[in-house]
Amino acid sequence: MQEFEKLGVTINREVSPRLFPFTEFFKGFEKVEGIQRLFGERTEAVLRELKVEFYSAKWGYMGVSDEDGHLLISIHHLKTADPIILYLDAFHELHHVKQFFDGRELFSTEYEYVDSPVEIEAYKATVEEARRIGMPEAQIVEYLTIEWITKEQLERLVRTVGITTEIANEEASKVSAS
């Protein structure tokens, strides 16, 4: 408890998030081949033990806590995003969960977002999964188009994850036109 004598108030900073079981909200991921490859024999146990924390904001999507590796999910995103986007976001973030458990640095300032080895690894796997479920390349590029990266960064990311330059340029042009 921290006191602010001058103000006459006390603020308790000892708080922990409310965590829920991942499998309460995301069912069947233990059967997804890409997730089975990721966690191996421990897939079911990892997903059963994994926790999610929901936050109320109209911004943000999904992420991983840098404290303990649990998922952070915007309630707005959960309620409003296309089911395929939610699926791919969860798939992507589960790769970050694994990276966290492996002791990898998820939030390095050494790299730009699109050049981060952990992001490239997670995005390559997510693009592979998007293709497996039948998503067209142009739609995959649209999925990779996020508001905090530039057109040049998007082009670099799509090249890095193995999407053809023509499609990348076509989609990036749409982004810069809007």
N, C-alpha and C. Protein backbone atom coordinates (compact mmCIF):
# COMPACT_ATOMS: atom_id res chain seq x y z
N MET A 1 0.86 -1.17 0.00
CA MET A 1 0.00 0.00 0.00
C MET A 1 0.90 1.23 0.00
N GLN A 2 0.64 2.12 -0.91
CA GLN A 2 1.45 3.32 -1.00
C GLN A 2 0.62 4.52 -0.58
N GLU A 3 1.18 5.29 0.34
CA GLU A 3 0.46 6.45 0.84
C GLU A 3 0.95 7.71 0.15
N PHE A 4 0.03 8.59 -0.09
CA PHE A 4 0.34 9.89 -0.66
C PHE A 4 -0.09 10.91 0.39
N GLU A 5 0.82 11.14 1.35
CA GLU A 5 0.53 11.97 2.51
C GLU A 5 -0.06 13.32 2.15
N LYS A 6 0.58 14.01 1.22
CA LYS A 6 0.12 15.34 0.83
C LYS A 6 -1.33 15.32 0.35
N LEU A 7 -1.70 14.25 -0.33
CA LEU A 7 -3.04 14.17 -0.91
C LEU A 7 -4.06 13.57 0.05
N GLY A 8 -3.56 12.91 1.09
CA GLY A 8 -4.47 12.30 2.05
C GLY A 8 -5.14 11.03 1.53
N VAL A 9 -4.48 10.35 0.59
CA VAL A 9 -5.04 9.10 0.04
C VAL A 9 -4.02 7.98 0.11
N THR A 10 -4.53 6.80 0.01
CA THR A 10 -3.69 5.61 -0.07
C THR A 10 -4.14 4.82 -1.29
N ILE A 11 -3.18 4.31 -2.03
CA ILE A 11 -3.51 3.51 -3.22
C ILE A 11 -2.83 2.16 -3.09
N ASN A 12 -3.64 1.13 -3.14
CA ASN A 12 -3.12 -0.24 -3.09
C ASN A 12 -2.70 -0.64 -4.50
N ARG A 13 -1.42 -0.85 -4.70
CA ARG A 13 -0.91 -1.24 -6.03
C ARG A 13 -0.70 -2.74 -6.16
N GLU A 14 -1.06 -3.48 -5.14
CA GLU A 14 -0.92 -4.93 -5.18
C GLU A 14 -2.19 -5.51 -5.79
N VAL A 15 -2.17 -5.72 -7.07
CA VAL A 15 -3.34 -6.23 -7.78
C VAL A 15 -2.90 -7.35 -8.70
N SER A 16 -3.76 -8.27 -8.89
CA SER A 16 -3.47 -9.32 -9.87
C SER A 16 -4.67 -9.42 -10.80
N PRO A 17 -4.42 -9.76 -12.05
CA PRO A 17 -5.53 -9.82 -13.01
C PRO A 17 -6.44 -11.01 -12.72
N ARG A 18 -7.65 -10.90 -13.21
CA ARG A 18 -8.60 -12.02 -13.14
C ARG A 18 -8.33 -12.90 -14.34
N LEU A 19 -7.95 -14.12 -14.08
CA LEU A 19 -7.58 -15.04 -15.15
C LEU A 19 -8.61 -16.15 -15.30
N PHE A 20 -8.85 -16.53 -16.54
CA PHE A 20 -9.79 -17.60 -16.86
C PHE A 20 -9.05 -18.69 -17.62
N PRO A 21 -9.55 -19.90 -17.57
CA PRO A 21 -8.93 -20.98 -18.36
C PRO A 21 -9.09 -20.72 -19.87
N PHE A 22 -8.01 -20.87 -20.60
CA PHE A 22 -8.03 -20.71 -22.06
C PHE A 22 -9.11 -21.60 -22.68
N THR A 23 -9.18 -22.84 -22.21
CA THR A 23 -10.09 -23.83 -22.80
C THR A 23 -11.56 -23.54 -22.51
N GLU A 24 -11.83 -22.59 -21.63
CA GLU A 24 -13.22 -22.20 -21.39
C GLU A 24 -13.75 -21.37 -22.56
N PHE A 25 -12.86 -20.69 -23.25
CA PHE A 25 -13.25 -19.79 -24.34
C PHE A 25 -12.78 -20.27 -25.71
N PHE A 26 -11.73 -21.08 -25.74
CA PHE A 26 -11.14 -21.55 -27.00
C PHE A 26 -11.09 -23.07 -26.97
N LYS A 27 -12.04 -23.67 -27.63
CA LYS A 27 -12.16 -25.13 -27.61
C LYS A 27 -11.66 -25.74 -28.92
N GLY A 28 -11.04 -26.88 -28.82
CA GLY A 28 -10.61 -27.62 -29.99
C GLY A 28 -9.20 -27.30 -30.48
N PHE A 29 -8.53 -26.33 -29.90
CA PHE A 29 -7.18 -25.98 -30.35
C PHE A 29 -6.19 -27.11 -30.11
N GLU A 30 -6.49 -27.97 -29.16
CA GLU A 30 -5.60 -29.11 -28.90
C GLU A 30 -5.60 -30.09 -30.07
N LYS A 31 -6.59 -29.99 -30.96
CA LYS A 31 -6.68 -30.89 -32.11
C LYS A 31 -6.08 -30.27 -33.38
N VAL A 32 -5.71 -29.01 -33.32
CA VAL A 32 -5.13 -28.33 -34.49
C VAL A 32 -3.70 -28.81 -34.67
N GLU A 33 -3.42 -29.33 -35.86
CA GLU A 33 -2.11 -29.92 -36.13
C GLU A 33 -0.94 -28.97 -35.84
N GLY A 34 -1.09 -27.71 -36.24
CA GLY A 34 -0.02 -26.74 -36.02
C GLY A 34 0.23 -26.47 -34.54
N ILE A 35 -0.80 -26.57 -33.72
CA ILE A 35 -0.65 -26.38 -32.28
C ILE A 35 -0.07 -27.65 -31.66
N GLN A 36 -0.46 -28.81 -32.18
CA GLN A 36 0.13 -30.06 -31.71
C GLN A 36 1.64 -30.10 -32.01
N ARG A 37 2.03 -29.62 -33.20
CA ARG A 37 3.46 -29.55 -33.54
C ARG A 37 4.19 -28.59 -32.59
N LEU A 38 3.52 -27.52 -32.24
CA LEU A 38 4.12 -26.49 -31.40
C LEU A 38 4.41 -27.00 -29.99
N PHE A 39 3.44 -27.62 -29.36
CA PHE A 39 3.58 -28.04 -27.97
C PHE A 39 3.85 -29.53 -27.79
N GLY A 40 3.73 -30.31 -28.87
CA GLY A 40 4.03 -31.73 -28.79
C GLY A 40 3.09 -32.47 -27.86
N GLU A 41 3.66 -33.43 -27.15
CA GLU A 41 2.87 -34.29 -26.25
C GLU A 41 2.18 -33.49 -25.14
N ARG A 42 2.68 -32.32 -24.85
CA ARG A 42 2.13 -31.51 -23.76
C ARG A 42 1.00 -30.58 -24.21
N THR A 43 0.56 -30.69 -25.46
CA THR A 43 -0.43 -29.77 -26.01
C THR A 43 -1.65 -29.63 -25.10
N GLU A 44 -2.30 -30.72 -24.78
CA GLU A 44 -3.52 -30.65 -23.97
C GLU A 44 -3.25 -30.04 -22.61
N ALA A 45 -2.16 -30.44 -21.97
CA ALA A 45 -1.83 -29.91 -20.64
C ALA A 45 -1.53 -28.42 -20.70
N VAL A 46 -0.76 -28.00 -21.70
CA VAL A 46 -0.42 -26.58 -21.83
C VAL A 46 -1.68 -25.75 -22.01
N LEU A 47 -2.56 -26.17 -22.91
CA LEU A 47 -3.78 -25.40 -23.17
C LEU A 47 -4.72 -25.42 -21.96
N ARG A 48 -4.75 -26.53 -21.26
CA ARG A 48 -5.59 -26.63 -20.07
C ARG A 48 -5.08 -25.71 -18.96
N GLU A 49 -3.77 -25.56 -18.85
CA GLU A 49 -3.17 -24.73 -17.81
C GLU A 49 -3.07 -23.25 -18.21
N LEU A 50 -3.15 -22.97 -19.50
CA LEU A 50 -3.02 -21.60 -19.98
C LEU A 50 -4.20 -20.75 -19.52
N LYS A 51 -3.91 -19.53 -19.12
CA LYS A 51 -4.95 -18.60 -18.66
C LYS A 51 -5.10 -17.45 -19.64
N VAL A 52 -6.29 -16.85 -19.64
CA VAL A 52 -6.55 -15.66 -20.43
C VAL A 52 -7.07 -14.56 -19.52
N GLU A 53 -6.69 -13.35 -19.86
CA GLU A 53 -7.16 -12.17 -19.15
C GLU A 53 -7.84 -11.27 -20.17
N PHE A 54 -9.04 -10.88 -19.90
CA PHE A 54 -9.79 -10.01 -20.82
C PHE A 54 -9.73 -8.58 -20.31
N TYR A 55 -9.53 -7.67 -21.23
CA TYR A 55 -9.54 -6.26 -20.85
C TYR A 55 -10.56 -5.51 -21.70
N SER A 56 -11.11 -4.47 -21.11
CA SER A 56 -12.16 -3.72 -21.76
C SER A 56 -11.58 -2.48 -22.42
N ALA A 57 -11.45 -2.55 -23.74
CA ALA A 57 -10.97 -1.40 -24.52
C ALA A 57 -11.36 -1.65 -25.97
N LYS A 58 -11.61 -0.59 -26.69
CA LYS A 58 -11.96 -0.74 -28.10
C LYS A 58 -10.72 -0.84 -28.97
N TRP A 59 -9.56 -0.78 -28.39
CA TRP A 59 -8.31 -0.92 -29.13
C TRP A 59 -7.66 -2.24 -28.71
N GLY A 60 -6.74 -2.67 -29.51
CA GLY A 60 -6.00 -3.87 -29.17
C GLY A 60 -6.67 -5.14 -29.67
N TYR A 61 -5.90 -6.17 -29.66
CA TYR A 61 -6.36 -7.46 -30.17
C TYR A 61 -6.06 -8.53 -29.13
N MET A 62 -4.96 -9.23 -29.34
CA MET A 62 -4.51 -10.25 -28.40
C MET A 62 -3.02 -10.06 -28.20
N GLY A 63 -2.55 -10.51 -27.06
CA GLY A 63 -1.13 -10.45 -26.77
C GLY A 63 -0.80 -11.45 -25.68
N VAL A 64 0.47 -11.43 -25.29
CA VAL A 64 0.94 -12.34 -24.25
C VAL A 64 1.56 -11.52 -23.13
N SER A 65 1.22 -11.85 -21.91
CA SER A 65 1.78 -11.17 -20.75
C SER A 65 3.27 -11.44 -20.65
N ASP A 66 4.04 -10.38 -20.46
CA ASP A 66 5.48 -10.57 -20.29
C ASP A 66 5.83 -10.97 -18.86
N GLU A 67 4.83 -11.08 -17.99
CA GLU A 67 5.09 -11.51 -16.63
C GLU A 67 5.02 -13.01 -16.45
N ASP A 68 3.98 -13.64 -17.05
CA ASP A 68 3.83 -15.08 -16.86
C ASP A 68 3.38 -15.84 -18.11
N GLY A 69 3.25 -15.15 -19.22
CA GLY A 69 2.92 -15.82 -20.47
C GLY A 69 1.45 -16.09 -20.70
N HIS A 70 0.55 -15.55 -19.87
CA HIS A 70 -0.88 -15.77 -20.14
C HIS A 70 -1.32 -14.85 -21.28
N LEU A 71 -2.46 -15.17 -21.88
CA LEU A 71 -2.98 -14.37 -22.99
C LEU A 71 -3.74 -13.15 -22.48
N LEU A 72 -3.60 -12.06 -23.21
CA LEU A 72 -4.36 -10.84 -22.96
C LEU A 72 -5.25 -10.64 -24.17
N ILE A 73 -6.54 -10.44 -23.94
CA ILE A 73 -7.47 -10.35 -25.06
C ILE A 73 -8.45 -9.20 -24.85
N SER A 74 -8.56 -8.36 -25.86
CA SER A 74 -9.53 -7.28 -25.84
C SER A 74 -10.94 -7.89 -25.96
N ILE A 75 -11.81 -7.54 -25.05
CA ILE A 75 -13.19 -8.02 -25.10
C ILE A 75 -13.86 -7.55 -26.39
N HIS A 76 -13.58 -6.32 -26.77
CA HIS A 76 -14.14 -5.77 -28.01
C HIS A 76 -13.72 -6.62 -29.21
N HIS A 77 -12.44 -6.97 -29.27
CA HIS A 77 -11.94 -7.79 -30.36
C HIS A 77 -12.60 -9.17 -30.34
N LEU A 78 -12.70 -9.75 -29.15
CA LEU A 78 -13.32 -11.07 -29.01
C LEU A 78 -14.76 -11.06 -29.51
N LYS A 79 -15.49 -9.99 -29.22
CA LYS A 79 -16.90 -9.92 -29.58
C LYS A 79 -17.15 -9.49 -31.02
N THR A 80 -16.22 -8.75 -31.62
CA THR A 80 -16.52 -8.15 -32.93
C THR A 80 -15.71 -8.69 -34.10
N ALA A 81 -14.61 -9.34 -33.85
CA ALA A 81 -13.76 -9.80 -34.95
C ALA A 81 -14.38 -11.00 -35.67
N ASP A 82 -14.07 -11.10 -36.93
CA ASP A 82 -14.46 -12.25 -37.73
C ASP A 82 -13.89 -13.51 -37.06
N PRO A 83 -14.64 -14.61 -37.02
CA PRO A 83 -14.15 -15.83 -36.38
C PRO A 83 -12.80 -16.34 -36.92
N ILE A 84 -12.57 -16.18 -38.21
CA ILE A 84 -11.29 -16.61 -38.80
C ILE A 84 -10.14 -15.76 -38.24
N ILE A 85 -10.39 -14.48 -38.08
CA ILE A 85 -9.36 -13.59 -37.52
C ILE A 85 -9.06 -13.99 -36.07
N LEU A 86 -10.10 -14.26 -35.29
CA LEU A 86 -9.89 -14.70 -33.91
C LEU A 86 -9.09 -16.00 -33.87
N TYR A 87 -9.44 -16.91 -34.76
CA TYR A 87 -8.73 -18.19 -34.83
C TYR A 87 -7.25 -17.95 -35.13
N LEU A 88 -6.96 -17.15 -36.15
CA LEU A 88 -5.57 -16.90 -36.53
C LEU A 88 -4.83 -16.11 -35.45
N ASP A 89 -5.51 -15.17 -34.82
CA ASP A 89 -4.87 -14.42 -33.73
C ASP A 89 -4.50 -15.36 -32.58
N ALA A 90 -5.41 -16.24 -32.20
CA ALA A 90 -5.11 -17.19 -31.12
C ALA A 90 -3.97 -18.11 -31.53
N PHE A 91 -4.00 -18.59 -32.78
CA PHE A 91 -2.93 -19.45 -33.30
C PHE A 91 -1.59 -18.72 -33.20
N HIS A 92 -1.57 -17.48 -33.64
CA HIS A 92 -0.35 -16.65 -33.61
C HIS A 92 0.13 -16.45 -32.17
N GLU A 93 -0.78 -16.08 -31.29
CA GLU A 93 -0.39 -15.80 -29.90
C GLU A 93 0.05 -17.06 -29.16
N LEU A 94 -0.50 -18.21 -29.52
CA LEU A 94 -0.02 -19.45 -28.89
C LEU A 94 1.44 -19.70 -29.24
N HIS A 95 1.89 -19.24 -30.39
CA HIS A 95 3.31 -19.33 -30.73
C HIS A 95 4.13 -18.45 -29.78
N HIS A 96 3.60 -17.28 -29.46
CA HIS A 96 4.29 -16.41 -28.50
C HIS A 96 4.28 -17.01 -27.09
N VAL A 97 3.21 -17.68 -26.73
CA VAL A 97 3.17 -18.36 -25.43
C VAL A 97 4.31 -19.38 -25.37
N LYS A 98 4.45 -20.17 -26.41
CA LYS A 98 5.53 -21.17 -26.45
C LYS A 98 6.89 -20.49 -26.38
N GLN A 99 7.06 -19.41 -27.12
CA GLN A 99 8.32 -18.68 -27.10
C GLN A 99 8.61 -18.15 -25.69
N PHE A 100 7.58 -17.63 -25.03
CA PHE A 100 7.74 -17.15 -23.66
C PHE A 100 8.20 -18.28 -22.75
N PHE A 101 7.52 -19.43 -22.84
CA PHE A 101 7.88 -20.58 -22.00
C PHE A 101 9.29 -21.08 -22.31
N ASP A 102 9.75 -20.87 -23.54
CA ASP A 102 11.11 -21.26 -23.92
C ASP A 102 12.15 -20.23 -23.48
N GLY A 103 11.68 -19.14 -22.84
CA GLY A 103 12.61 -18.13 -22.35
C GLY A 103 13.04 -17.10 -23.38
N ARG A 104 12.33 -17.01 -24.48
CA ARG A 104 12.68 -16.06 -25.53
C ARG A 104 12.14 -14.67 -25.19
N GLU A 105 12.85 -13.67 -25.65
CA GLU A 105 12.47 -12.27 -25.42
C GLU A 105 11.39 -11.88 -26.42
N LEU A 106 10.18 -11.61 -25.92
CA LEU A 106 9.06 -11.27 -26.80
C LEU A 106 9.01 -9.79 -27.14
N PHE A 107 9.57 -8.94 -26.30
CA PHE A 107 9.39 -7.51 -26.48
C PHE A 107 10.72 -6.78 -26.62
N SER A 108 11.60 -7.32 -27.42
CA SER A 108 12.91 -6.72 -27.64
C SER A 108 12.77 -5.42 -28.41
N THR A 109 13.51 -4.43 -27.99
CA THR A 109 13.53 -3.15 -28.71
C THR A 109 14.66 -3.13 -29.74
N GLU A 110 15.35 -4.24 -29.86
CA GLU A 110 16.46 -4.35 -30.80
C GLU A 110 15.98 -4.37 -32.25
N TYR A 111 14.74 -4.79 -32.47
CA TYR A 111 14.20 -4.94 -33.82
C TYR A 111 12.93 -4.12 -33.99
N GLU A 112 12.66 -3.75 -35.25
CA GLU A 112 11.33 -3.23 -35.57
C GLU A 112 10.38 -4.42 -35.48
N TYR A 113 9.13 -4.15 -35.22
CA TYR A 113 8.12 -5.20 -35.04
C TYR A 113 8.19 -6.26 -36.14
N VAL A 114 8.20 -5.84 -37.41
CA VAL A 114 8.14 -6.79 -38.52
C VAL A 114 9.45 -7.54 -38.73
N ASP A 115 10.52 -7.12 -38.07
CA ASP A 115 11.81 -7.78 -38.20
C ASP A 115 12.16 -8.63 -36.99
N SER A 116 11.32 -8.60 -35.98
CA SER A 116 11.57 -9.35 -34.76
C SER A 116 11.54 -10.85 -35.06
N PRO A 117 12.57 -11.58 -34.67
CA PRO A 117 12.59 -13.03 -34.92
C PRO A 117 11.38 -13.76 -34.36
N VAL A 118 10.89 -13.34 -33.19
CA VAL A 118 9.73 -14.03 -32.62
C VAL A 118 8.46 -13.73 -33.42
N GLU A 119 8.34 -12.50 -33.93
CA GLU A 119 7.17 -12.18 -34.77
C GLU A 119 7.25 -12.91 -36.11
N ILE A 120 8.41 -12.92 -36.72
CA ILE A 120 8.56 -13.60 -38.01
C ILE A 120 8.21 -15.08 -37.86
N GLU A 121 8.73 -15.71 -36.82
CA GLU A 121 8.43 -17.12 -36.58
C GLU A 121 6.93 -17.36 -36.40
N ALA A 122 6.30 -16.53 -35.58
CA ALA A 122 4.85 -16.68 -35.32
C ALA A 122 4.04 -16.37 -36.58
N TYR A 123 4.43 -15.34 -37.32
CA TYR A 123 3.69 -15.00 -38.54
C TYR A 123 3.88 -16.06 -39.63
N LYS A 124 5.07 -16.62 -39.76
CA LYS A 124 5.26 -17.68 -40.76
C LYS A 124 4.34 -18.86 -40.47
N ALA A 125 4.26 -19.25 -39.22
CA ALA A 125 3.38 -20.36 -38.84
C ALA A 125 1.92 -19.99 -39.07
N THR A 126 1.56 -18.75 -38.78
CA THR A 126 0.17 -18.31 -38.95
C THR A 126 -0.20 -18.25 -40.42
N VAL A 127 0.72 -17.77 -41.26
CA VAL A 127 0.47 -17.74 -42.71
C VAL A 127 0.31 -19.17 -43.24
N GLU A 128 1.14 -20.07 -42.77
CA GLU A 128 1.01 -21.48 -43.17
C GLU A 128 -0.36 -22.03 -42.77
N GLU A 129 -0.82 -21.68 -41.57
CA GLU A 129 -2.13 -22.14 -41.11
C GLU A 129 -3.25 -21.49 -41.92
N ALA A 130 -3.10 -20.21 -42.22
CA ALA A 130 -4.11 -19.51 -43.02
C ALA A 130 -4.24 -20.18 -44.39
N ARG A 131 -3.13 -20.55 -44.98
CA ARG A 131 -3.17 -21.25 -46.27
C ARG A 131 -3.83 -22.62 -46.11
N ARG A 132 -3.50 -23.32 -45.03
CA ARG A 132 -4.06 -24.65 -44.80
C ARG A 132 -5.58 -24.60 -44.72
N ILE A 133 -6.12 -23.56 -44.11
CA ILE A 133 -7.58 -23.47 -43.98
C ILE A 133 -8.23 -22.83 -45.21
N GLY A 134 -7.43 -22.53 -46.23
CA GLY A 134 -7.99 -22.08 -47.50
C GLY A 134 -8.11 -20.57 -47.68
N MET A 135 -7.44 -19.80 -46.87
CA MET A 135 -7.51 -18.35 -47.01
C MET A 135 -6.68 -17.92 -48.24
N PRO A 136 -7.27 -17.11 -49.12
CA PRO A 136 -6.52 -16.62 -50.29
C PRO A 136 -5.37 -15.70 -49.86
N GLU A 137 -4.32 -15.66 -50.67
CA GLU A 137 -3.13 -14.86 -50.36
C GLU A 137 -3.48 -13.39 -50.09
N ALA A 138 -4.35 -12.82 -50.90
CA ALA A 138 -4.72 -11.41 -50.72
C ALA A 138 -5.37 -11.20 -49.35
N GLN A 139 -6.17 -12.15 -48.91
CA GLN A 139 -6.81 -12.04 -47.60
C GLN A 139 -5.77 -12.21 -46.48
N ILE A 140 -4.77 -13.03 -46.73
CA ILE A 140 -3.70 -13.19 -45.74
C ILE A 140 -2.94 -11.86 -45.59
N VAL A 141 -2.67 -11.21 -46.70
CA VAL A 141 -2.00 -9.90 -46.64
C VAL A 141 -2.87 -8.91 -45.88
N GLU A 142 -4.16 -8.96 -46.12
CA GLU A 142 -5.08 -8.08 -45.39
C GLU A 142 -5.00 -8.38 -43.89
N TYR A 143 -4.91 -9.66 -43.53
CA TYR A 143 -4.77 -10.04 -42.13
C TYR A 143 -3.49 -9.46 -41.53
N LEU A 144 -2.42 -9.46 -42.32
CA LEU A 144 -1.13 -8.96 -41.84
C LEU A 144 -1.08 -7.43 -41.76
N THR A 145 -2.06 -6.78 -42.36
CA THR A 145 -2.10 -5.32 -42.39
C THR A 145 -2.63 -4.80 -41.06
N ILE A 146 -1.72 -4.28 -40.26
CA ILE A 146 -2.10 -3.75 -38.95
C ILE A 146 -1.74 -2.27 -38.89
N GLU A 147 -2.53 -1.54 -38.14
CA GLU A 147 -2.43 -0.09 -38.20
C GLU A 147 -1.12 0.49 -37.70
N TRP A 148 -0.33 -0.24 -36.95
CA TRP A 148 0.90 0.35 -36.42
C TRP A 148 2.14 0.08 -37.28
N ILE A 149 1.95 -0.52 -38.46
CA ILE A 149 3.10 -0.69 -39.35
C ILE A 149 2.89 0.11 -40.63
N THR A 150 3.99 0.52 -41.22
CA THR A 150 3.95 1.31 -42.44
C THR A 150 3.78 0.40 -43.65
N LYS A 151 3.53 1.01 -44.79
CA LYS A 151 3.42 0.27 -46.04
C LYS A 151 4.72 -0.49 -46.32
N GLU A 152 5.85 0.16 -46.10
CA GLU A 152 7.15 -0.49 -46.33
C GLU A 152 7.36 -1.67 -45.39
N GLN A 153 6.95 -1.51 -44.14
CA GLN A 153 7.07 -2.61 -43.17
C GLN A 153 6.16 -3.77 -43.56
N LEU A 154 4.95 -3.45 -44.02
CA LEU A 154 4.03 -4.49 -44.48
C LEU A 154 4.64 -5.25 -45.65
N GLU A 155 5.19 -4.53 -46.61
CA GLU A 155 5.83 -5.19 -47.77
C GLU A 155 6.96 -6.10 -47.32
N ARG A 156 7.74 -5.64 -46.35
CA ARG A 156 8.85 -6.45 -45.84
C ARG A 156 8.33 -7.69 -45.12
N LEU A 157 7.28 -7.53 -44.34
CA LEU A 157 6.71 -8.66 -43.61
C LEU A 157 6.15 -9.70 -44.58
N VAL A 158 5.39 -9.28 -45.57
CA VAL A 158 4.78 -10.26 -46.48
C VAL A 158 5.85 -10.98 -47.29
N ARG A 159 6.91 -10.28 -47.66
CA ARG A 159 8.03 -10.95 -48.36
C ARG A 159 8.69 -11.98 -47.44
N THR A 160 8.92 -11.58 -46.20
CA THR A 160 9.59 -12.44 -45.23
C THR A 160 8.80 -13.71 -44.95
N VAL A 161 7.47 -13.61 -44.93
CA VAL A 161 6.65 -14.79 -44.64
C VAL A 161 6.31 -15.59 -45.89
N GLY A 162 6.84 -15.15 -47.05
CA GLY A 162 6.71 -15.96 -48.26
C GLY A 162 5.50 -15.69 -49.13
N ILE A 163 4.97 -14.49 -49.08
CA ILE A 163 3.86 -14.13 -49.95
C ILE A 163 4.43 -13.39 -51.15
N THR A 164 3.91 -13.69 -52.33
CA THR A 164 4.47 -13.12 -53.55
C THR A 164 4.41 -11.59 -53.56
N THR A 165 5.41 -11.00 -54.15
CA THR A 165 5.56 -9.55 -54.18
C THR A 165 4.39 -8.86 -54.86
N GLU A 166 3.86 -9.44 -55.92
CA GLU A 166 2.75 -8.79 -56.63
C GLU A 166 1.53 -8.62 -55.72
N ILE A 167 1.19 -9.67 -55.01
CA ILE A 167 0.04 -9.62 -54.11
C ILE A 167 0.32 -8.63 -52.98
N ALA A 168 1.52 -8.67 -52.45
CA ALA A 168 1.89 -7.77 -51.37
C ALA A 168 1.77 -6.32 -51.82
N ASN A 169 2.31 -6.00 -52.99
CA ASN A 169 2.26 -4.63 -53.49
C ASN A 169 0.83 -4.19 -53.76
N GLU A 170 0.04 -5.10 -54.33
CA GLU A 170 -1.37 -4.81 -54.62
C GLU A 170 -2.13 -4.47 -53.34
N GLU A 171 -1.95 -5.29 -52.29
CA GLU A 171 -2.64 -5.06 -51.02
C GLU A 171 -2.10 -3.82 -50.32
N ALA A 172 -0.79 -3.63 -50.37
CA ALA A 172 -0.19 -2.46 -49.72
C ALA A 172 -0.69 -1.18 -50.39
N SER A 173 -0.91 -1.21 -51.70
CA SER A 173 -1.44 -0.04 -52.39
C SER A 173 -2.84 0.29 -51.90
N LYS A 174 -3.64 -0.73 -51.67
CA LYS A 174 -4.99 -0.51 -51.14
C LYS A 174 -4.91 0.14 -49.76
N VAL A 175 -3.95 -0.31 -48.94
CA VAL A 175 -3.80 0.22 -47.60
C VAL A 175 -3.43 1.70 -47.66
N SER A 176 -2.47 2.04 -48.51
CA SER A 176 -2.03 3.43 -48.57
C SER A 176 -3.08 4.34 -49.22
N ALA A 177 -3.98 3.77 -50.01
CA ALA A 177 -5.04 4.55 -50.65
C ALA A 177 -6.17 4.89 -49.68
N SER A 178 -6.30 4.10 -48.62
CA SER A 178 -7.41 4.34 -47.68
C SER A 178 -7.03 5.26 -46.56
